[in-house]
């Protein structure tokens, strides 16, 4: 359906190669639209209490405008034509892969899931891009559980349900339709580290060669507080 980036971005929002920390592409929406995260941001010591995305949006109004436009375009098109949104995103993700050579995509380096319908549209996008490994971090555990109750997750999509509070153990994961949901946590210096410790803070805030967040074999990724 799509053969130009201009039309795909106009319809679905912009897939970006601008996140220099990690490989491949990303898709962001405004962190001001987070549901569970919006509540957690006001709670001391929650994993959202130091939200970098909210700080960046306040510091740079143009970033907020772009991410809010992504939110508006995504929610509008998913509500009316989720297949078209998935096709527009898949076109952009494949173009990004051809440019970067990195077959990885992260959903929501800002923002989070808005609905079961959005998660379903993301899964459709993953199925349209089988060469790409997709990682979806989220605090919307109920949305994930409700979707998994009637859907199979594509093998190239890793959903990581985030812990609520800094220092918490991984959330109790649920297994539905043969998928054990993956998790992530945040630890302070001296806290117990559950599973794989993210190495980015020791290597210039870069993923480097690490791809744990996208890996089925890594049940939990623990991020150091920063």
N, C-alpha and C. Protein backbone atom coordinates (compact mmCIF):
# COMPACT_ATOMS: atom_id res chain seq x y z
N UNK A 1 0.82 -1.21 0.00
CA UNK A 1 0.00 0.00 0.00
C UNK A 1 0.86 1.26 0.00
N UNK A 2 1.98 1.24 0.74
CA UNK A 2 2.80 2.44 0.86
C UNK A 2 4.06 2.33 0.02
N UNK A 3 4.42 3.45 -0.60
CA UNK A 3 5.68 3.50 -1.34
C UNK A 3 6.47 4.76 -1.07
N UNK A 4 5.97 5.62 -0.15
CA UNK A 4 6.73 6.80 0.26
C UNK A 4 6.66 6.96 1.77
N UNK A 5 7.76 7.44 2.35
CA UNK A 5 7.79 7.70 3.78
C UNK A 5 6.82 8.81 4.15
N UNK A 6 6.69 9.79 3.29
CA UNK A 6 5.83 10.93 3.58
C UNK A 6 4.40 10.47 3.86
N UNK A 7 3.88 9.61 3.01
CA UNK A 7 2.49 9.16 3.18
C UNK A 7 2.36 8.25 4.40
N UNK A 8 3.35 7.40 4.65
CA UNK A 8 3.29 6.50 5.80
C UNK A 8 3.32 7.28 7.10
N UNK A 9 4.19 8.28 7.18
CA UNK A 9 4.29 9.10 8.39
C UNK A 9 3.02 9.93 8.57
N UNK A 10 2.50 10.46 7.49
CA UNK A 10 1.29 11.28 7.56
C UNK A 10 0.12 10.50 8.13
N UNK A 11 0.04 9.22 7.81
CA UNK A 11 -1.08 8.40 8.25
C UNK A 11 -0.88 7.82 9.65
N UNK A 12 0.32 7.32 9.94
CA UNK A 12 0.52 6.47 11.12
C UNK A 12 1.35 7.10 12.21
N UNK A 13 2.08 8.18 11.91
CA UNK A 13 3.09 8.69 12.82
C UNK A 13 4.47 8.22 12.38
N UNK A 14 5.49 8.78 13.00
CA UNK A 14 6.85 8.60 12.51
C UNK A 14 7.63 7.53 13.27
N UNK A 15 8.13 6.54 12.56
CA UNK A 15 9.13 5.61 13.07
C UNK A 15 10.49 6.29 12.93
N UNK A 16 11.29 6.23 13.99
CA UNK A 16 12.52 7.02 14.04
C UNK A 16 13.77 6.15 14.11
N UNK A 17 14.85 6.69 13.55
CA UNK A 17 16.19 6.14 13.75
C UNK A 17 17.02 7.07 14.64
N UNK A 18 16.35 7.97 15.34
CA UNK A 18 17.04 9.02 16.07
C UNK A 18 17.47 8.68 17.48
N UNK A 19 17.12 7.50 17.99
CA UNK A 19 17.54 7.13 19.34
C UNK A 19 18.93 6.52 19.26
N UNK A 20 19.94 7.31 19.58
CA UNK A 20 21.31 6.87 19.42
C UNK A 20 21.77 5.84 20.41
N UNK A 21 20.97 5.58 21.46
CA UNK A 21 21.38 4.60 22.47
C UNK A 21 21.30 3.18 21.95
N UNK A 22 20.30 2.90 21.13
CA UNK A 22 20.00 1.52 20.79
C UNK A 22 20.02 1.28 19.29
N UNK A 23 20.11 0.03 18.89
CA UNK A 23 20.13 -0.29 17.46
C UNK A 23 18.74 -0.19 16.85
N UNK A 24 18.71 0.02 15.55
CA UNK A 24 17.45 -0.06 14.84
C UNK A 24 16.54 1.12 15.08
N UNK A 25 15.24 0.88 14.90
CA UNK A 25 14.23 1.93 14.90
C UNK A 25 13.41 1.93 16.17
N UNK A 26 12.69 3.04 16.37
CA UNK A 26 11.82 3.19 17.53
C UNK A 26 10.53 3.90 17.12
N UNK A 27 9.51 3.75 17.95
CA UNK A 27 8.27 4.51 17.77
C UNK A 27 7.87 5.06 19.12
N UNK A 28 7.67 6.37 19.19
CA UNK A 28 7.36 7.04 20.46
C UNK A 28 6.06 7.81 20.36
N UNK A 29 5.34 7.87 21.49
CA UNK A 29 4.22 8.78 21.63
C UNK A 29 4.45 9.59 22.91
N UNK A 30 3.70 10.64 23.09
CA UNK A 30 3.93 11.51 24.23
C UNK A 30 3.73 10.76 25.55
N UNK A 31 4.69 10.94 26.47
CA UNK A 31 4.59 10.33 27.79
C UNK A 31 3.45 10.94 28.61
N UNK A 32 2.94 12.09 28.17
CA UNK A 32 1.80 12.68 28.87
C UNK A 32 0.53 11.88 28.66
N UNK A 33 0.54 10.93 27.73
CA UNK A 33 -0.65 10.11 27.46
C UNK A 33 -0.63 8.77 28.20
N UNK A 34 0.45 8.50 28.96
CA UNK A 34 0.55 7.21 29.65
C UNK A 34 -0.59 7.05 30.66
N UNK A 35 -1.15 5.87 30.73
CA UNK A 35 -2.26 5.61 31.64
C UNK A 35 -1.72 5.20 33.01
N UNK A 36 -1.27 3.97 33.16
CA UNK A 36 -0.67 3.55 34.44
C UNK A 36 0.56 4.40 34.75
N UNK A 37 1.40 4.62 33.75
CA UNK A 37 2.60 5.41 33.95
C UNK A 37 2.32 6.82 34.39
N UNK A 38 1.24 7.41 33.92
CA UNK A 38 0.88 8.75 34.33
C UNK A 38 0.58 8.84 35.82
N UNK A 39 0.00 7.78 36.36
CA UNK A 39 -0.26 7.74 37.80
C UNK A 39 1.03 7.48 38.58
N UNK A 40 1.85 6.56 38.05
CA UNK A 40 3.09 6.22 38.74
C UNK A 40 4.07 7.38 38.77
N UNK A 41 4.02 8.24 37.76
CA UNK A 41 4.96 9.36 37.70
C UNK A 41 4.86 10.26 38.93
N UNK A 42 3.69 10.27 39.57
CA UNK A 42 3.48 11.11 40.76
C UNK A 42 3.80 10.39 42.06
N UNK A 43 4.24 9.14 41.98
CA UNK A 43 4.50 8.34 43.19
C UNK A 43 6.01 8.21 43.39
N UNK A 44 6.50 8.65 44.53
CA UNK A 44 7.93 8.61 44.83
C UNK A 44 8.44 7.18 44.78
N UNK A 45 9.60 7.01 44.16
CA UNK A 45 10.29 5.72 44.05
C UNK A 45 9.60 4.73 43.12
N UNK A 46 8.61 5.18 42.37
CA UNK A 46 8.08 4.31 41.33
C UNK A 46 9.05 4.31 40.16
N UNK A 47 8.91 3.32 39.28
CA UNK A 47 9.81 3.26 38.12
C UNK A 47 9.51 4.34 37.09
N UNK A 48 8.43 5.08 37.28
CA UNK A 48 8.12 6.20 36.39
C UNK A 48 8.39 7.56 37.03
N UNK A 49 8.83 7.57 38.28
CA UNK A 49 8.97 8.83 39.01
C UNK A 49 10.09 9.71 38.48
N UNK A 50 11.03 9.12 37.73
CA UNK A 50 12.11 9.91 37.13
C UNK A 50 12.03 9.85 35.61
N UNK A 51 10.84 9.88 35.08
CA UNK A 51 10.63 9.66 33.64
C UNK A 51 11.45 10.63 32.79
N UNK A 52 12.38 10.08 32.02
CA UNK A 52 13.23 10.90 31.16
C UNK A 52 12.43 11.51 30.03
N UNK A 53 11.40 10.80 29.57
CA UNK A 53 10.63 11.29 28.42
C UNK A 53 9.83 12.54 28.80
N UNK A 54 9.21 12.54 29.98
CA UNK A 54 8.49 13.72 30.42
C UNK A 54 9.42 14.91 30.57
N UNK A 55 10.61 14.67 31.12
CA UNK A 55 11.59 15.75 31.26
C UNK A 55 12.00 16.30 29.90
N UNK A 56 12.21 15.40 28.94
CA UNK A 56 12.61 15.83 27.61
C UNK A 56 11.51 16.62 26.92
N UNK A 57 10.27 16.19 27.10
CA UNK A 57 9.16 16.90 26.47
C UNK A 57 9.00 18.30 27.04
N UNK A 58 9.26 18.47 28.36
CA UNK A 58 9.18 19.80 28.96
C UNK A 58 10.33 20.68 28.50
N UNK A 59 11.51 20.07 28.34
CA UNK A 59 12.69 20.82 27.93
C UNK A 59 12.64 21.22 26.46
N UNK A 60 12.06 20.34 25.64
CA UNK A 60 12.06 20.58 24.20
C UNK A 60 10.62 20.47 23.67
N UNK A 61 9.91 21.57 23.59
CA UNK A 61 8.51 21.55 23.13
C UNK A 61 8.33 20.90 21.76
N UNK A 62 9.34 20.99 20.88
CA UNK A 62 9.22 20.39 19.56
C UNK A 62 9.13 18.86 19.66
N UNK A 63 9.83 18.28 20.64
CA UNK A 63 9.75 16.84 20.86
C UNK A 63 8.34 16.47 21.31
N UNK A 64 7.80 17.23 22.24
CA UNK A 64 6.44 16.98 22.70
C UNK A 64 5.46 17.05 21.54
N UNK A 65 5.62 18.05 20.69
CA UNK A 65 4.71 18.21 19.55
C UNK A 65 4.78 16.99 18.62
N UNK A 66 5.99 16.51 18.35
CA UNK A 66 6.14 15.36 17.47
C UNK A 66 5.57 14.09 18.07
N UNK A 67 5.86 13.85 19.34
CA UNK A 67 5.36 12.64 19.99
C UNK A 67 3.85 12.68 20.18
N UNK A 68 3.31 13.88 20.43
CA UNK A 68 1.86 13.99 20.56
C UNK A 68 1.19 13.76 19.21
N UNK A 69 1.83 14.21 18.13
CA UNK A 69 1.30 13.95 16.80
C UNK A 69 1.28 12.46 16.50
N UNK A 70 2.33 11.75 16.92
CA UNK A 70 2.35 10.29 16.76
C UNK A 70 1.19 9.64 17.50
N UNK A 71 0.95 10.10 18.73
CA UNK A 71 -0.17 9.57 19.52
C UNK A 71 -1.49 9.78 18.79
N UNK A 72 -1.70 11.00 18.31
CA UNK A 72 -2.97 11.34 17.66
C UNK A 72 -3.17 10.52 16.39
N UNK A 73 -2.14 10.43 15.56
CA UNK A 73 -2.25 9.67 14.31
C UNK A 73 -2.45 8.19 14.58
N UNK A 74 -1.69 7.65 15.53
CA UNK A 74 -1.79 6.22 15.81
C UNK A 74 -3.15 5.84 16.35
N UNK A 75 -3.63 6.56 17.36
CA UNK A 75 -4.91 6.20 17.96
C UNK A 75 -6.06 6.38 16.98
N UNK A 76 -5.98 7.40 16.15
CA UNK A 76 -7.05 7.65 15.18
C UNK A 76 -7.11 6.55 14.12
N UNK A 77 -5.95 6.20 13.55
CA UNK A 77 -5.95 5.21 12.47
C UNK A 77 -6.19 3.80 13.00
N UNK A 78 -5.67 3.48 14.17
CA UNK A 78 -5.92 2.16 14.76
C UNK A 78 -7.41 1.97 15.01
N UNK A 79 -8.08 3.03 15.43
CA UNK A 79 -9.52 2.93 15.70
C UNK A 79 -10.32 2.68 14.43
N UNK A 80 -9.85 3.22 13.29
CA UNK A 80 -10.64 3.11 12.06
C UNK A 80 -10.13 2.03 11.11
N UNK A 81 -8.80 1.82 11.10
CA UNK A 81 -8.23 0.87 10.13
C UNK A 81 -6.88 0.35 10.66
N UNK A 82 -6.90 -0.59 11.61
CA UNK A 82 -5.65 -1.07 12.19
C UNK A 82 -4.71 -1.73 11.19
N UNK A 83 -5.26 -2.37 10.17
CA UNK A 83 -4.41 -2.97 9.15
C UNK A 83 -3.59 -1.91 8.41
N UNK A 84 -4.22 -0.78 8.12
CA UNK A 84 -3.51 0.28 7.42
C UNK A 84 -2.41 0.86 8.30
N UNK A 85 -2.69 1.03 9.59
CA UNK A 85 -1.66 1.53 10.51
C UNK A 85 -0.48 0.57 10.55
N UNK A 86 -0.77 -0.72 10.65
CA UNK A 86 0.29 -1.72 10.68
C UNK A 86 1.12 -1.69 9.40
N UNK A 87 0.46 -1.54 8.26
CA UNK A 87 1.18 -1.49 6.99
C UNK A 87 2.07 -0.25 6.90
N UNK A 88 1.57 0.88 7.39
CA UNK A 88 2.36 2.11 7.36
C UNK A 88 3.57 2.00 8.27
N UNK A 89 3.39 1.41 9.45
CA UNK A 89 4.52 1.23 10.37
C UNK A 89 5.52 0.20 9.82
N UNK A 90 5.00 -0.89 9.27
CA UNK A 90 5.88 -1.92 8.72
C UNK A 90 6.72 -1.36 7.57
N UNK A 91 6.12 -0.54 6.73
CA UNK A 91 6.87 0.08 5.64
C UNK A 91 8.03 0.90 6.18
N UNK A 92 7.76 1.69 7.22
CA UNK A 92 8.81 2.52 7.80
C UNK A 92 9.89 1.70 8.50
N UNK A 93 9.47 0.66 9.23
CA UNK A 93 10.43 -0.19 9.94
C UNK A 93 11.34 -0.91 8.95
N UNK A 94 10.79 -1.42 7.88
CA UNK A 94 11.61 -2.08 6.86
C UNK A 94 12.57 -1.10 6.19
N UNK A 95 12.12 0.12 5.96
CA UNK A 95 13.00 1.14 5.39
C UNK A 95 14.14 1.47 6.36
N UNK A 96 13.80 1.55 7.64
CA UNK A 96 14.82 1.84 8.65
C UNK A 96 15.85 0.71 8.72
N UNK A 97 15.39 -0.53 8.63
CA UNK A 97 16.29 -1.68 8.63
C UNK A 97 17.23 -1.64 7.43
N UNK A 98 16.69 -1.31 6.27
CA UNK A 98 17.51 -1.23 5.06
C UNK A 98 18.59 -0.15 5.20
N UNK A 99 18.27 0.91 5.94
CA UNK A 99 19.22 2.01 6.11
C UNK A 99 20.25 1.72 7.18
N UNK A 100 19.81 1.13 8.31
CA UNK A 100 20.71 0.94 9.46
C UNK A 100 21.41 -0.41 9.45
N UNK A 101 20.79 -1.41 8.81
CA UNK A 101 21.33 -2.76 8.86
C UNK A 101 21.07 -3.46 10.17
N UNK A 102 20.27 -2.84 11.05
CA UNK A 102 19.97 -3.41 12.37
C UNK A 102 18.52 -3.91 12.40
N UNK A 103 18.30 -5.23 12.50
CA UNK A 103 16.94 -5.77 12.46
C UNK A 103 16.24 -5.75 13.82
N UNK A 104 16.20 -4.55 14.44
CA UNK A 104 15.61 -4.41 15.77
C UNK A 104 14.71 -3.18 15.79
N UNK A 105 13.60 -3.33 16.52
CA UNK A 105 12.68 -2.20 16.68
C UNK A 105 12.18 -2.17 18.11
N UNK A 106 12.15 -0.97 18.69
CA UNK A 106 11.58 -0.78 20.03
C UNK A 106 10.31 0.04 19.92
N UNK A 107 9.27 -0.46 20.55
CA UNK A 107 8.03 0.30 20.69
C UNK A 107 8.10 1.11 21.98
N UNK A 108 7.78 2.40 21.87
CA UNK A 108 7.63 3.28 23.03
C UNK A 108 8.93 3.54 23.78
N UNK A 109 9.88 4.21 23.11
CA UNK A 109 10.97 4.80 23.88
C UNK A 109 10.45 6.04 24.61
N UNK A 110 9.23 6.42 24.31
CA UNK A 110 8.43 7.33 25.12
C UNK A 110 6.98 6.88 24.99
N UNK A 111 6.24 6.96 26.10
CA UNK A 111 4.83 6.58 26.06
C UNK A 111 4.61 5.11 26.32
N UNK A 112 3.37 4.66 26.13
CA UNK A 112 3.03 3.27 26.44
C UNK A 112 1.75 2.91 25.69
N UNK A 113 1.41 1.63 25.79
CA UNK A 113 0.18 1.12 25.19
C UNK A 113 -1.04 1.92 25.65
N UNK A 114 -1.95 2.12 24.73
CA UNK A 114 -3.19 2.83 25.03
C UNK A 114 -4.40 1.90 25.13
N UNK A 115 -4.32 0.73 24.49
CA UNK A 115 -5.49 -0.12 24.42
C UNK A 115 -5.12 -1.52 23.93
N UNK A 116 -6.04 -2.45 24.10
CA UNK A 116 -5.89 -3.78 23.53
C UNK A 116 -5.78 -3.68 22.01
N UNK A 117 -6.55 -2.76 21.43
CA UNK A 117 -6.53 -2.59 19.98
C UNK A 117 -5.16 -2.13 19.49
N UNK A 118 -4.50 -1.29 20.26
CA UNK A 118 -3.16 -0.84 19.87
C UNK A 118 -2.17 -2.00 19.94
N UNK A 119 -2.25 -2.81 20.98
CA UNK A 119 -1.36 -3.96 21.07
C UNK A 119 -1.60 -4.91 19.91
N UNK A 120 -2.85 -5.10 19.54
CA UNK A 120 -3.15 -5.98 18.41
C UNK A 120 -2.56 -5.42 17.12
N UNK A 121 -2.63 -4.10 16.94
CA UNK A 121 -2.07 -3.48 15.74
C UNK A 121 -0.54 -3.61 15.73
N UNK A 122 0.10 -3.54 16.89
CA UNK A 122 1.54 -3.74 16.97
C UNK A 122 1.89 -5.17 16.59
N UNK A 123 1.10 -6.13 17.07
CA UNK A 123 1.34 -7.53 16.70
C UNK A 123 1.18 -7.72 15.19
N UNK A 124 0.22 -7.06 14.59
CA UNK A 124 0.06 -7.13 13.13
C UNK A 124 1.31 -6.59 12.44
N UNK A 125 1.86 -5.50 12.97
CA UNK A 125 3.08 -4.93 12.40
C UNK A 125 4.23 -5.91 12.49
N UNK A 126 4.35 -6.58 13.64
CA UNK A 126 5.42 -7.58 13.80
C UNK A 126 5.28 -8.70 12.78
N UNK A 127 4.06 -9.14 12.54
CA UNK A 127 3.85 -10.22 11.57
C UNK A 127 4.20 -9.77 10.14
N UNK A 128 4.06 -8.48 9.88
CA UNK A 128 4.39 -7.94 8.55
C UNK A 128 5.89 -7.71 8.38
N UNK A 129 6.63 -7.81 9.48
CA UNK A 129 8.08 -7.57 9.44
C UNK A 129 8.81 -8.74 10.11
N UNK A 130 8.73 -9.93 9.54
CA UNK A 130 9.27 -11.13 10.19
C UNK A 130 10.79 -11.12 10.36
N UNK A 131 11.49 -10.29 9.62
CA UNK A 131 12.95 -10.22 9.77
C UNK A 131 13.37 -9.34 10.94
N UNK A 132 12.42 -8.61 11.52
CA UNK A 132 12.72 -7.65 12.57
C UNK A 132 12.34 -8.23 13.94
N UNK A 133 13.21 -8.04 14.93
CA UNK A 133 12.90 -8.38 16.31
C UNK A 133 12.29 -7.15 16.98
N UNK A 134 11.10 -7.31 17.53
CA UNK A 134 10.38 -6.21 18.17
C UNK A 134 10.42 -6.36 19.69
N UNK A 135 10.64 -5.25 20.38
CA UNK A 135 10.63 -5.22 21.85
C UNK A 135 9.62 -4.18 22.30
N UNK A 136 8.71 -4.60 23.18
CA UNK A 136 7.68 -3.72 23.71
C UNK A 136 7.74 -3.71 25.23
N UNK A 137 8.34 -2.68 25.85
CA UNK A 137 8.28 -2.53 27.30
C UNK A 137 6.98 -1.84 27.69
N UNK A 138 6.34 -2.27 28.77
CA UNK A 138 5.05 -1.69 29.12
C UNK A 138 4.76 -1.84 30.61
N UNK A 139 3.98 -0.93 31.14
CA UNK A 139 3.43 -1.05 32.49
C UNK A 139 1.94 -1.39 32.44
N UNK A 140 1.43 -1.58 31.23
CA UNK A 140 0.00 -1.86 31.05
C UNK A 140 -0.24 -3.37 31.08
N UNK A 141 -0.05 -3.96 32.25
CA UNK A 141 -0.16 -5.42 32.38
C UNK A 141 -1.55 -5.92 32.03
N UNK A 142 -2.58 -5.18 32.40
CA UNK A 142 -3.95 -5.63 32.12
C UNK A 142 -4.22 -5.66 30.62
N UNK A 143 -3.74 -4.65 29.90
CA UNK A 143 -3.92 -4.65 28.45
C UNK A 143 -3.26 -5.89 27.84
N UNK A 144 -2.04 -6.18 28.30
CA UNK A 144 -1.33 -7.34 27.77
C UNK A 144 -2.07 -8.63 28.09
N UNK A 145 -2.50 -8.77 29.32
CA UNK A 145 -3.19 -10.00 29.73
C UNK A 145 -4.50 -10.17 28.96
N UNK A 146 -5.25 -9.09 28.80
CA UNK A 146 -6.52 -9.17 28.07
C UNK A 146 -6.30 -9.56 26.61
N UNK A 147 -5.26 -9.00 26.01
CA UNK A 147 -4.97 -9.34 24.61
C UNK A 147 -4.52 -10.79 24.47
N UNK A 148 -3.65 -11.24 25.37
CA UNK A 148 -3.13 -12.61 25.29
C UNK A 148 -4.21 -13.66 25.53
N UNK A 149 -5.30 -13.26 26.17
CA UNK A 149 -6.37 -14.21 26.45
C UNK A 149 -6.99 -14.76 25.17
N UNK A 150 -6.91 -13.99 24.08
CA UNK A 150 -7.54 -14.42 22.84
C UNK A 150 -6.63 -14.35 21.63
N UNK A 151 -5.35 -14.06 21.85
CA UNK A 151 -4.42 -13.88 20.73
C UNK A 151 -3.09 -14.57 20.99
N UNK A 152 -2.45 -15.01 19.92
CA UNK A 152 -1.09 -15.53 20.00
C UNK A 152 -0.11 -14.41 19.68
N UNK A 153 0.96 -14.35 20.46
CA UNK A 153 1.97 -13.32 20.23
C UNK A 153 2.92 -13.77 19.14
N UNK A 154 3.23 -12.91 18.18
CA UNK A 154 4.22 -13.28 17.15
C UNK A 154 5.55 -13.64 17.80
N UNK A 155 6.26 -14.58 17.21
CA UNK A 155 7.51 -15.04 17.80
C UNK A 155 8.58 -13.95 17.78
N UNK A 156 8.43 -12.95 16.94
CA UNK A 156 9.43 -11.88 16.86
C UNK A 156 9.04 -10.65 17.67
N UNK A 157 8.08 -10.80 18.60
CA UNK A 157 7.68 -9.70 19.48
C UNK A 157 7.88 -10.11 20.93
N UNK A 158 8.74 -9.40 21.64
CA UNK A 158 8.97 -9.61 23.07
C UNK A 158 8.24 -8.52 23.84
N UNK A 159 7.32 -8.91 24.71
CA UNK A 159 6.61 -7.97 25.56
C UNK A 159 7.20 -8.08 26.97
N UNK A 160 7.70 -6.97 27.50
CA UNK A 160 8.28 -6.97 28.85
C UNK A 160 7.42 -6.10 29.76
N UNK A 161 6.79 -6.72 30.75
CA UNK A 161 5.97 -6.01 31.72
C UNK A 161 6.88 -5.48 32.83
N UNK A 162 6.85 -4.19 33.03
CA UNK A 162 7.78 -3.53 33.94
C UNK A 162 7.32 -3.58 35.39
N UNK A 163 8.28 -3.64 36.30
CA UNK A 163 7.98 -3.56 37.72
C UNK A 163 7.43 -2.17 38.06
N UNK A 164 6.68 -2.09 39.15
CA UNK A 164 6.05 -0.84 39.53
C UNK A 164 6.99 0.09 40.30
N UNK A 165 7.76 -0.48 41.23
CA UNK A 165 8.61 0.32 42.11
C UNK A 165 10.09 0.00 41.91
N UNK A 166 10.93 1.01 42.11
CA UNK A 166 12.38 0.81 42.06
C UNK A 166 12.78 -0.18 43.14
N UNK A 167 13.57 -1.18 42.76
CA UNK A 167 14.02 -2.19 43.71
C UNK A 167 13.11 -3.39 43.84
N UNK A 168 11.94 -3.34 43.20
CA UNK A 168 11.03 -4.49 43.25
C UNK A 168 11.60 -5.68 42.49
N UNK A 169 11.17 -6.87 42.91
CA UNK A 169 11.43 -8.08 42.14
C UNK A 169 10.56 -8.06 40.88
N UNK A 170 10.86 -8.90 39.91
CA UNK A 170 10.02 -8.95 38.71
C UNK A 170 8.57 -9.25 39.06
N UNK A 171 7.66 -8.72 38.29
CA UNK A 171 6.24 -8.97 38.50
C UNK A 171 5.94 -10.45 38.27
N UNK A 172 4.94 -10.95 38.95
CA UNK A 172 4.50 -12.31 38.69
C UNK A 172 3.98 -12.35 37.26
N UNK A 173 4.63 -13.16 36.43
CA UNK A 173 4.23 -13.21 35.03
C UNK A 173 3.10 -14.20 34.85
N UNK A 174 2.35 -13.99 33.80
CA UNK A 174 1.24 -14.87 33.50
C UNK A 174 1.52 -15.59 32.19
N UNK A 175 1.07 -16.81 32.12
CA UNK A 175 1.27 -17.61 30.92
C UNK A 175 -0.09 -17.89 30.29
N UNK A 176 -0.27 -17.37 29.10
CA UNK A 176 -1.50 -17.57 28.37
C UNK A 176 -1.17 -17.92 26.93
N UNK A 177 -1.89 -18.88 26.37
CA UNK A 177 -1.71 -19.24 24.97
C UNK A 177 -0.24 -19.50 24.65
N UNK A 178 0.40 -20.24 25.55
CA UNK A 178 1.78 -20.71 25.36
C UNK A 178 2.82 -19.59 25.38
N UNK A 179 2.48 -18.42 25.92
CA UNK A 179 3.47 -17.35 26.03
C UNK A 179 3.69 -17.00 27.49
N UNK A 180 4.92 -17.10 27.95
CA UNK A 180 5.29 -16.60 29.27
C UNK A 180 5.78 -15.17 29.08
N UNK A 181 5.06 -14.21 29.65
CA UNK A 181 5.43 -12.82 29.47
C UNK A 181 6.79 -12.53 30.11
N UNK A 182 7.59 -11.74 29.43
CA UNK A 182 8.89 -11.33 29.96
C UNK A 182 8.71 -10.06 30.81
N UNK A 183 9.75 -9.72 31.57
CA UNK A 183 9.63 -8.63 32.53
C UNK A 183 10.89 -7.76 32.51
N UNK A 184 10.78 -6.62 33.23
CA UNK A 184 11.95 -5.77 33.49
C UNK A 184 11.80 -5.14 34.87
N UNK A 185 12.94 -4.77 35.45
CA UNK A 185 12.99 -4.17 36.78
C UNK A 185 14.00 -3.02 36.76
N UNK A 186 14.00 -2.24 37.85
CA UNK A 186 14.97 -1.16 38.05
C UNK A 186 15.62 -1.36 39.41
N UNK A 187 16.95 -1.30 39.44
CA UNK A 187 17.65 -1.50 40.72
C UNK A 187 18.57 -0.33 41.03
N UNK A 188 18.69 -0.04 42.33
CA UNK A 188 19.68 0.92 42.81
C UNK A 188 21.01 0.21 43.04
N UNK A 189 22.05 0.98 43.20
CA UNK A 189 23.34 0.41 43.56
C UNK A 189 23.20 -0.29 44.90
N UNK A 190 23.59 -1.53 44.95
CA UNK A 190 23.47 -2.32 46.17
C UNK A 190 22.23 -3.19 46.23
N UNK A 191 21.24 -2.92 45.37
CA UNK A 191 20.04 -3.77 45.31
C UNK A 191 20.36 -5.11 44.67
N UNK A 192 19.52 -6.09 44.95
CA UNK A 192 19.61 -7.35 44.24
C UNK A 192 19.31 -7.11 42.76
N UNK A 193 20.08 -7.74 41.91
CA UNK A 193 19.85 -7.64 40.47
C UNK A 193 19.19 -8.93 40.01
N UNK A 194 18.01 -8.79 39.45
CA UNK A 194 17.25 -9.95 38.99
C UNK A 194 17.50 -10.17 37.51
N UNK A 195 18.01 -11.34 37.16
CA UNK A 195 18.22 -11.66 35.76
C UNK A 195 19.40 -10.91 35.17
N UNK A 196 19.21 -10.39 33.96
CA UNK A 196 20.29 -9.75 33.20
C UNK A 196 20.40 -8.29 33.58
N UNK A 197 21.59 -7.84 33.99
CA UNK A 197 21.81 -6.43 34.29
C UNK A 197 22.15 -5.67 33.02
N UNK A 198 21.37 -4.65 32.71
CA UNK A 198 21.63 -3.84 31.52
C UNK A 198 23.01 -3.20 31.64
N UNK A 199 23.87 -3.36 30.63
CA UNK A 199 25.23 -2.84 30.72
C UNK A 199 25.39 -1.40 30.20
N UNK A 200 24.32 -0.76 29.76
CA UNK A 200 24.45 0.52 29.07
C UNK A 200 25.18 1.57 29.90
N UNK A 201 24.93 1.58 31.21
CA UNK A 201 25.53 2.63 32.05
C UNK A 201 27.04 2.50 32.14
N UNK A 202 27.59 1.36 31.78
CA UNK A 202 29.03 1.15 31.84
C UNK A 202 29.69 1.27 30.46
N UNK A 203 28.88 1.59 29.45
CA UNK A 203 29.41 1.67 28.10
C UNK A 203 28.84 2.87 27.34
N UNK A 204 28.92 4.01 28.02
CA UNK A 204 28.52 5.26 27.37
C UNK A 204 27.04 5.39 27.10
N UNK A 205 26.21 4.77 27.94
CA UNK A 205 24.76 4.81 27.75
C UNK A 205 24.34 4.27 26.39
N UNK A 206 25.01 3.20 25.98
CA UNK A 206 24.74 2.57 24.69
C UNK A 206 24.44 1.09 24.89
N UNK A 207 23.60 0.54 24.02
CA UNK A 207 23.36 -0.90 24.05
C UNK A 207 24.62 -1.67 23.65
N UNK A 208 25.42 -1.07 22.78
CA UNK A 208 26.60 -1.78 22.29
C UNK A 208 26.18 -3.06 21.58
N UNK A 209 26.78 -4.17 21.96
CA UNK A 209 26.44 -5.45 21.33
C UNK A 209 25.32 -6.19 22.07
N UNK A 210 24.85 -5.63 23.17
CA UNK A 210 23.81 -6.31 23.97
C UNK A 210 22.45 -6.21 23.26
N UNK A 211 21.75 -7.33 23.21
CA UNK A 211 20.41 -7.38 22.63
C UNK A 211 19.46 -8.12 23.58
N UNK A 212 19.75 -8.08 24.87
CA UNK A 212 18.97 -8.83 25.86
C UNK A 212 17.49 -8.44 25.85
N UNK A 213 17.20 -7.17 25.67
CA UNK A 213 15.81 -6.72 25.73
C UNK A 213 14.94 -7.38 24.67
N UNK A 214 15.55 -7.77 23.56
CA UNK A 214 14.83 -8.40 22.44
C UNK A 214 14.89 -9.93 22.51
N UNK A 215 15.49 -10.49 23.54
CA UNK A 215 15.79 -11.93 23.57
C UNK A 215 14.75 -12.74 24.33
N UNK A 216 14.26 -13.80 23.70
CA UNK A 216 13.34 -14.72 24.37
C UNK A 216 14.01 -15.41 25.55
N UNK A 217 15.31 -15.62 25.48
CA UNK A 217 16.01 -16.39 26.51
C UNK A 217 16.30 -15.58 27.77
N UNK A 218 16.06 -14.27 27.75
CA UNK A 218 16.28 -13.42 28.92
C UNK A 218 14.94 -13.10 29.55
N UNK A 219 14.64 -13.74 30.67
CA UNK A 219 13.33 -13.58 31.29
C UNK A 219 13.14 -12.18 31.85
N UNK A 220 14.16 -11.65 32.52
CA UNK A 220 14.07 -10.30 33.12
C UNK A 220 15.33 -9.51 32.83
N UNK A 221 15.13 -8.25 32.46
CA UNK A 221 16.25 -7.31 32.32
C UNK A 221 16.13 -6.30 33.45
N UNK A 222 17.23 -6.09 34.17
CA UNK A 222 17.24 -5.15 35.28
C UNK A 222 18.06 -3.93 34.90
N UNK A 223 17.44 -2.75 34.98
CA UNK A 223 18.10 -1.52 34.58
C UNK A 223 18.59 -0.77 35.82
N UNK A 224 19.85 -0.31 35.84
CA UNK A 224 20.32 0.47 36.99
C UNK A 224 19.64 1.83 37.02
N UNK A 225 19.31 2.31 38.22
CA UNK A 225 18.70 3.61 38.37
C UNK A 225 19.66 4.70 37.93
N UNK A 226 19.17 5.64 37.15
CA UNK A 226 20.02 6.75 36.71
C UNK A 226 19.21 8.03 36.64
